């Protein structure tokens, strides 16, 4: 049986150029984005999966999370939901989720980093083990 790898991300692993100390929080980030930076950066440093080259992506993740939270705060002050703000919030949340998966910040991506078991090529592809 052939193995298809199209669309399958390789497992994340410790990088030889991984940062060992968290960089300073970028000053241009909003307060909510800065809070997210402080929350996730220790995890990324501990797992040794973040390099200097990855920092722009992590900044983008923090911006998206901060923006989604800011919109949520704005929407709770109104009596009726603002559909345009709701749509914008959804796009920011989707972007944040996609970027979070890149850096091992979701349960599925953390399982991948931990070394998910390889497929055993059983006869039943729908069997749950």
N, C-alpha and C. Protein backbone atom coordinates (compact mmCIF):
# COMPACT_ATOMS: atom_id res chain seq x y z
N UNK A 1 0.85 -1.17 0.00
CA UNK A 1 0.00 0.00 0.00
C UNK A 1 0.90 1.24 0.00
N UNK A 2 0.62 2.20 -0.88
CA UNK A 2 1.44 3.41 -0.95
C UNK A 2 1.01 4.41 0.12
N UNK A 3 1.95 5.21 0.55
CA UNK A 3 1.68 6.21 1.57
C UNK A 3 1.66 7.58 0.89
N UNK A 4 0.59 8.31 1.09
CA UNK A 4 0.45 9.65 0.52
C UNK A 4 0.85 10.67 1.56
N UNK A 5 1.74 11.56 1.20
CA UNK A 5 2.16 12.59 2.15
C UNK A 5 1.72 13.98 1.74
N UNK A 6 0.99 14.10 0.64
CA UNK A 6 0.52 15.41 0.23
C UNK A 6 -0.46 15.93 1.26
N UNK A 7 -0.25 17.16 1.72
CA UNK A 7 -1.13 17.77 2.70
C UNK A 7 -0.83 17.36 4.13
N UNK A 8 0.17 16.51 4.34
CA UNK A 8 0.53 16.07 5.68
C UNK A 8 1.78 16.82 6.11
N UNK A 9 1.66 17.52 7.25
CA UNK A 9 2.81 18.27 7.76
C UNK A 9 3.79 17.31 8.42
N UNK A 10 5.07 17.57 8.23
CA UNK A 10 6.05 16.74 8.94
C UNK A 10 5.98 17.04 10.43
N UNK A 11 6.32 16.10 11.26
CA UNK A 11 6.27 16.35 12.71
C UNK A 11 7.27 17.43 13.09
N UNK A 12 6.83 18.33 13.97
CA UNK A 12 7.74 19.36 14.47
C UNK A 12 8.70 18.71 15.46
N UNK A 13 9.91 19.23 15.51
CA UNK A 13 10.89 18.69 16.43
C UNK A 13 11.80 19.81 16.89
N UNK A 14 12.58 19.54 17.91
CA UNK A 14 13.51 20.54 18.42
C UNK A 14 14.45 20.97 17.31
N UNK A 15 14.69 22.27 17.25
CA UNK A 15 15.53 22.84 16.21
C UNK A 15 16.92 23.12 16.78
N UNK A 16 17.95 22.85 15.97
CA UNK A 16 19.31 23.09 16.45
C UNK A 16 19.60 24.58 16.65
N UNK A 17 18.82 25.46 16.01
CA UNK A 17 18.99 26.90 16.17
C UNK A 17 17.90 27.50 17.06
N UNK A 18 17.26 26.68 17.87
CA UNK A 18 16.16 27.15 18.70
C UNK A 18 16.64 28.20 19.70
N UNK A 19 15.76 29.17 19.94
CA UNK A 19 16.06 30.20 20.93
C UNK A 19 16.06 29.57 22.32
N UNK A 20 16.94 30.04 23.17
CA UNK A 20 17.00 29.54 24.54
C UNK A 20 16.48 30.56 25.54
N UNK A 21 16.23 31.76 25.05
CA UNK A 21 15.73 32.82 25.91
C UNK A 21 14.66 33.58 25.13
N UNK A 22 13.58 33.93 25.80
CA UNK A 22 12.49 34.64 25.14
C UNK A 22 12.92 36.05 24.76
N UNK A 23 12.70 36.43 23.51
CA UNK A 23 13.02 37.80 23.11
C UNK A 23 12.04 38.78 23.76
N UNK A 24 12.41 40.03 23.80
CA UNK A 24 11.54 41.05 24.37
C UNK A 24 10.25 41.14 23.56
N UNK A 25 9.19 41.50 24.24
CA UNK A 25 7.89 41.66 23.57
C UNK A 25 7.99 42.85 22.62
N UNK A 26 7.59 42.68 21.36
CA UNK A 26 7.63 43.81 20.44
C UNK A 26 6.72 44.94 20.93
N UNK A 27 7.25 46.14 20.95
CA UNK A 27 6.53 47.29 21.51
C UNK A 27 5.32 47.69 20.67
N UNK A 28 5.34 47.40 19.38
CA UNK A 28 4.23 47.82 18.53
C UNK A 28 2.96 46.99 18.73
N UNK A 29 3.08 45.84 19.39
CA UNK A 29 1.90 44.99 19.62
C UNK A 29 0.93 45.68 20.57
N UNK A 30 -0.37 45.42 20.38
CA UNK A 30 -1.38 45.93 21.30
C UNK A 30 -1.19 45.26 22.66
N UNK A 31 -1.84 45.80 23.68
CA UNK A 31 -1.72 45.22 25.03
C UNK A 31 -2.20 43.77 25.04
N UNK A 32 -3.28 43.47 24.32
CA UNK A 32 -3.78 42.10 24.28
C UNK A 32 -2.82 41.17 23.54
N UNK A 33 -2.21 41.66 22.46
CA UNK A 33 -1.23 40.86 21.72
C UNK A 33 0.03 40.65 22.56
N UNK A 34 0.44 41.67 23.31
CA UNK A 34 1.60 41.53 24.19
C UNK A 34 1.33 40.48 25.27
N UNK A 35 0.12 40.47 25.79
CA UNK A 35 -0.23 39.47 26.81
C UNK A 35 -0.14 38.06 26.23
N UNK A 36 -0.57 37.89 24.98
CA UNK A 36 -0.49 36.58 24.33
C UNK A 36 0.97 36.18 24.12
N UNK A 37 1.80 37.13 23.73
CA UNK A 37 3.24 36.87 23.55
C UNK A 37 3.82 36.33 24.86
N UNK A 38 3.52 37.00 25.95
CA UNK A 38 4.06 36.58 27.25
C UNK A 38 3.52 35.22 27.67
N UNK A 39 2.32 34.89 27.25
CA UNK A 39 1.70 33.62 27.61
C UNK A 39 2.33 32.46 26.85
N UNK A 40 2.58 32.63 25.55
CA UNK A 40 3.04 31.50 24.74
C UNK A 40 4.55 31.36 24.62
N UNK A 41 5.27 32.45 24.72
CA UNK A 41 6.72 32.40 24.46
C UNK A 41 7.45 31.42 25.38
N UNK A 42 7.14 31.35 26.69
CA UNK A 42 7.85 30.36 27.51
C UNK A 42 7.64 28.92 27.04
N UNK A 43 6.44 28.60 26.55
CA UNK A 43 6.17 27.26 26.03
C UNK A 43 7.02 26.97 24.79
N UNK A 44 7.09 27.95 23.89
CA UNK A 44 7.84 27.76 22.66
C UNK A 44 9.34 27.61 22.94
N UNK A 45 9.84 28.37 23.90
CA UNK A 45 11.26 28.28 24.26
C UNK A 45 11.55 26.93 24.91
N UNK A 46 10.68 26.50 25.81
CA UNK A 46 10.87 25.22 26.51
C UNK A 46 10.89 24.06 25.53
N UNK A 47 10.02 24.08 24.53
CA UNK A 47 9.95 22.99 23.55
C UNK A 47 11.06 23.05 22.51
N UNK A 48 11.79 24.16 22.48
CA UNK A 48 12.90 24.35 21.55
C UNK A 48 12.47 24.20 20.09
N UNK A 49 11.36 24.83 19.74
CA UNK A 49 10.89 24.76 18.36
C UNK A 49 10.84 26.13 17.69
N UNK A 50 11.21 27.17 18.40
CA UNK A 50 11.12 28.52 17.85
C UNK A 50 12.53 29.06 17.59
N UNK A 51 12.72 29.59 16.39
CA UNK A 51 14.01 30.20 16.04
C UNK A 51 13.77 31.68 15.75
N UNK A 52 14.86 32.41 15.59
CA UNK A 52 14.75 33.84 15.28
C UNK A 52 13.96 34.04 13.98
N UNK A 53 14.10 33.14 13.04
CA UNK A 53 13.40 33.24 11.77
C UNK A 53 11.88 33.09 11.93
N UNK A 54 11.44 32.47 13.01
CA UNK A 54 10.01 32.23 13.24
C UNK A 54 9.31 33.40 13.93
N UNK A 55 10.05 34.37 14.39
CA UNK A 55 9.47 35.42 15.23
C UNK A 55 8.39 36.24 14.51
N UNK A 56 8.54 36.48 13.22
CA UNK A 56 7.52 37.23 12.48
C UNK A 56 6.18 36.48 12.50
N UNK A 57 6.23 35.17 12.34
CA UNK A 57 5.01 34.38 12.39
C UNK A 57 4.37 34.38 13.76
N UNK A 58 5.20 34.34 14.80
CA UNK A 58 4.68 34.39 16.16
C UNK A 58 4.06 35.76 16.43
N UNK A 59 4.69 36.81 15.93
CA UNK A 59 4.12 38.15 16.06
C UNK A 59 2.76 38.22 15.38
N UNK A 60 2.67 37.65 14.18
CA UNK A 60 1.39 37.64 13.45
C UNK A 60 0.32 36.89 14.24
N UNK A 61 0.70 35.76 14.83
CA UNK A 61 -0.24 35.01 15.67
C UNK A 61 -0.74 35.89 16.81
N UNK A 62 0.18 36.55 17.50
CA UNK A 62 -0.20 37.40 18.64
C UNK A 62 -1.10 38.56 18.21
N UNK A 63 -0.80 39.16 17.05
CA UNK A 63 -1.63 40.24 16.52
C UNK A 63 -3.05 39.73 16.26
N UNK A 64 -3.16 38.55 15.65
CA UNK A 64 -4.48 38.00 15.34
C UNK A 64 -5.26 37.70 16.61
N UNK A 65 -4.62 37.10 17.61
CA UNK A 65 -5.30 36.80 18.88
C UNK A 65 -5.72 38.10 19.56
N UNK A 66 -4.82 39.07 19.60
CA UNK A 66 -5.14 40.35 20.23
C UNK A 66 -6.30 41.05 19.55
N UNK A 67 -6.32 41.04 18.22
CA UNK A 67 -7.40 41.68 17.47
C UNK A 67 -8.73 40.98 17.71
N UNK A 68 -8.71 39.64 17.71
CA UNK A 68 -9.95 38.89 17.97
C UNK A 68 -10.50 39.20 19.36
N UNK A 69 -9.62 39.30 20.34
CA UNK A 69 -10.07 39.62 21.70
C UNK A 69 -10.57 41.05 21.81
N UNK A 70 -9.93 41.96 21.12
CA UNK A 70 -10.36 43.35 21.15
C UNK A 70 -11.75 43.48 20.52
N UNK A 71 -11.98 42.78 19.42
CA UNK A 71 -13.30 42.80 18.79
C UNK A 71 -14.34 42.20 19.73
N UNK A 72 -13.99 41.11 20.41
CA UNK A 72 -14.92 40.49 21.37
C UNK A 72 -15.29 41.49 22.46
N UNK A 73 -14.29 42.22 22.97
CA UNK A 73 -14.56 43.23 24.00
C UNK A 73 -15.48 44.32 23.46
N UNK A 74 -15.23 44.76 22.24
CA UNK A 74 -16.05 45.81 21.62
C UNK A 74 -17.48 45.34 21.42
N UNK A 75 -17.64 44.09 21.00
CA UNK A 75 -18.98 43.57 20.71
C UNK A 75 -19.80 43.37 21.98
N UNK A 76 -19.17 43.16 23.10
CA UNK A 76 -19.94 42.93 24.33
C UNK A 76 -20.53 44.23 24.87
N UNK A 77 -20.07 45.38 24.41
CA UNK A 77 -20.60 46.65 24.89
C UNK A 77 -21.86 47.06 24.16
N UNK A 78 -22.14 46.50 23.01
CA UNK A 78 -23.33 46.86 22.23
C UNK A 78 -24.51 45.98 22.57
N UNK A 79 -25.70 46.48 22.28
CA UNK A 79 -26.91 45.71 22.53
C UNK A 79 -27.13 44.67 21.44
N UNK A 80 -26.88 45.05 20.19
CA UNK A 80 -27.04 44.12 19.07
C UNK A 80 -25.66 43.78 18.52
N UNK A 81 -25.47 42.55 18.10
CA UNK A 81 -24.16 42.19 17.53
C UNK A 81 -23.93 42.90 16.21
N UNK A 82 -22.72 43.34 15.98
CA UNK A 82 -22.33 43.98 14.74
C UNK A 82 -21.83 42.87 13.81
N UNK A 83 -22.57 42.62 12.74
CA UNK A 83 -22.23 41.51 11.85
C UNK A 83 -20.89 41.72 11.15
N UNK A 84 -20.55 42.96 10.81
CA UNK A 84 -19.26 43.21 10.17
C UNK A 84 -18.12 42.91 11.14
N UNK A 85 -18.26 43.35 12.39
CA UNK A 85 -17.23 43.05 13.39
C UNK A 85 -17.15 41.55 13.65
N UNK A 86 -18.32 40.90 13.68
CA UNK A 86 -18.34 39.44 13.89
C UNK A 86 -17.60 38.71 12.80
N UNK A 87 -17.79 39.12 11.55
CA UNK A 87 -17.09 38.49 10.42
C UNK A 87 -15.59 38.73 10.50
N UNK A 88 -15.21 39.94 10.89
CA UNK A 88 -13.79 40.26 11.04
C UNK A 88 -13.17 39.44 12.18
N UNK A 89 -13.92 39.29 13.26
CA UNK A 89 -13.43 38.49 14.39
C UNK A 89 -13.21 37.04 13.97
N UNK A 90 -14.13 36.50 13.21
CA UNK A 90 -14.00 35.12 12.74
C UNK A 90 -12.73 34.96 11.90
N UNK A 91 -12.45 35.91 11.03
CA UNK A 91 -11.24 35.83 10.19
C UNK A 91 -9.98 35.90 11.05
N UNK A 92 -9.97 36.78 12.04
CA UNK A 92 -8.81 36.84 12.94
C UNK A 92 -8.66 35.53 13.71
N UNK A 93 -9.76 34.96 14.18
CA UNK A 93 -9.68 33.70 14.93
C UNK A 93 -9.19 32.56 14.04
N UNK A 94 -9.63 32.52 12.79
CA UNK A 94 -9.16 31.48 11.87
C UNK A 94 -7.66 31.62 11.61
N UNK A 95 -7.23 32.85 11.41
CA UNK A 95 -5.80 33.09 11.19
C UNK A 95 -5.00 32.68 12.41
N UNK A 96 -5.47 33.05 13.59
CA UNK A 96 -4.78 32.69 14.83
C UNK A 96 -4.71 31.18 14.99
N UNK A 97 -5.80 30.47 14.68
CA UNK A 97 -5.81 29.01 14.81
C UNK A 97 -4.81 28.37 13.84
N UNK A 98 -4.76 28.87 12.61
CA UNK A 98 -3.83 28.31 11.63
C UNK A 98 -2.38 28.55 12.06
N UNK A 99 -2.09 29.75 12.53
CA UNK A 99 -0.73 30.03 12.98
C UNK A 99 -0.40 29.26 14.25
N UNK A 100 -1.37 29.11 15.15
CA UNK A 100 -1.14 28.34 16.37
C UNK A 100 -0.74 26.91 16.04
N UNK A 101 -1.36 26.33 15.03
CA UNK A 101 -1.02 24.96 14.62
C UNK A 101 0.41 24.88 14.10
N UNK A 102 0.90 25.93 13.49
CA UNK A 102 2.27 25.93 12.98
C UNK A 102 3.30 25.87 14.10
N UNK A 103 2.94 26.40 15.26
CA UNK A 103 3.91 26.49 16.36
C UNK A 103 3.61 25.55 17.52
N UNK A 104 2.76 24.56 17.30
CA UNK A 104 2.50 23.57 18.34
C UNK A 104 1.65 24.11 19.48
N UNK A 105 0.76 25.04 19.18
CA UNK A 105 -0.07 25.65 20.22
C UNK A 105 -1.50 25.11 20.23
N UNK A 106 -1.74 24.02 19.51
CA UNK A 106 -3.05 23.36 19.55
C UNK A 106 -2.83 21.92 20.01
N UNK A 107 -3.87 21.29 20.55
CA UNK A 107 -3.70 19.90 21.01
C UNK A 107 -3.20 18.95 19.92
N UNK A 108 -3.72 19.09 18.72
CA UNK A 108 -3.30 18.21 17.63
C UNK A 108 -1.84 18.44 17.26
N UNK A 109 -1.45 19.70 17.17
CA UNK A 109 -0.05 19.97 16.80
C UNK A 109 0.90 19.60 17.92
N UNK A 110 0.47 19.69 19.18
CA UNK A 110 1.33 19.25 20.28
C UNK A 110 1.52 17.74 20.23
N UNK A 111 0.48 17.01 19.87
CA UNK A 111 0.59 15.56 19.75
C UNK A 111 1.59 15.21 18.65
N UNK A 112 1.61 15.99 17.58
CA UNK A 112 2.54 15.78 16.49
C UNK A 112 3.98 16.00 16.96
N UNK A 113 4.17 17.02 17.77
CA UNK A 113 5.50 17.32 18.29
C UNK A 113 5.97 16.20 19.21
N UNK A 114 5.02 15.64 19.99
CA UNK A 114 5.37 14.58 20.93
C UNK A 114 5.68 13.27 20.25
N UNK A 115 5.45 13.18 18.95
CA UNK A 115 5.78 11.95 18.24
C UNK A 115 4.57 11.06 18.10
N UNK A 116 3.65 11.44 17.24
CA UNK A 116 2.47 10.63 17.01
C UNK A 116 2.86 9.29 16.42
N UNK A 117 2.09 8.26 16.73
CA UNK A 117 2.38 6.91 16.25
C UNK A 117 2.15 6.85 14.74
N UNK A 118 2.98 6.11 14.07
CA UNK A 118 2.84 5.91 12.64
C UNK A 118 1.66 4.98 12.36
N UNK A 119 1.08 5.11 11.19
CA UNK A 119 -0.01 4.26 10.77
C UNK A 119 0.50 2.82 10.62
N UNK A 120 -0.28 1.86 11.11
CA UNK A 120 0.20 0.47 11.07
C UNK A 120 -0.24 -0.28 9.81
N UNK A 121 -0.82 0.42 8.82
CA UNK A 121 -1.26 -0.19 7.58
C UNK A 121 -2.21 -1.37 7.80
N UNK A 122 -3.11 -1.24 8.77
CA UNK A 122 -4.08 -2.31 8.99
C UNK A 122 -5.02 -2.40 7.81
N UNK A 123 -5.73 -3.51 7.70
CA UNK A 123 -6.65 -3.72 6.58
C UNK A 123 -7.85 -2.78 6.63
N UNK A 124 -8.25 -2.36 7.82
CA UNK A 124 -9.41 -1.50 7.95
C UNK A 124 -8.95 -0.06 8.19
N UNK A 125 -9.05 0.82 7.19
CA UNK A 125 -8.58 2.20 7.36
C UNK A 125 -9.44 3.01 8.32
N UNK A 126 -10.63 2.52 8.63
CA UNK A 126 -11.51 3.24 9.55
C UNK A 126 -11.45 2.71 10.97
N UNK A 127 -10.63 1.71 11.22
CA UNK A 127 -10.52 1.13 12.55
C UNK A 127 -9.89 2.13 13.53
N UNK A 128 -10.48 2.24 14.69
CA UNK A 128 -9.96 3.11 15.73
C UNK A 128 -9.26 2.23 16.75
N UNK A 129 -8.00 2.55 17.03
CA UNK A 129 -7.27 1.74 17.99
C UNK A 129 -6.84 2.57 19.16
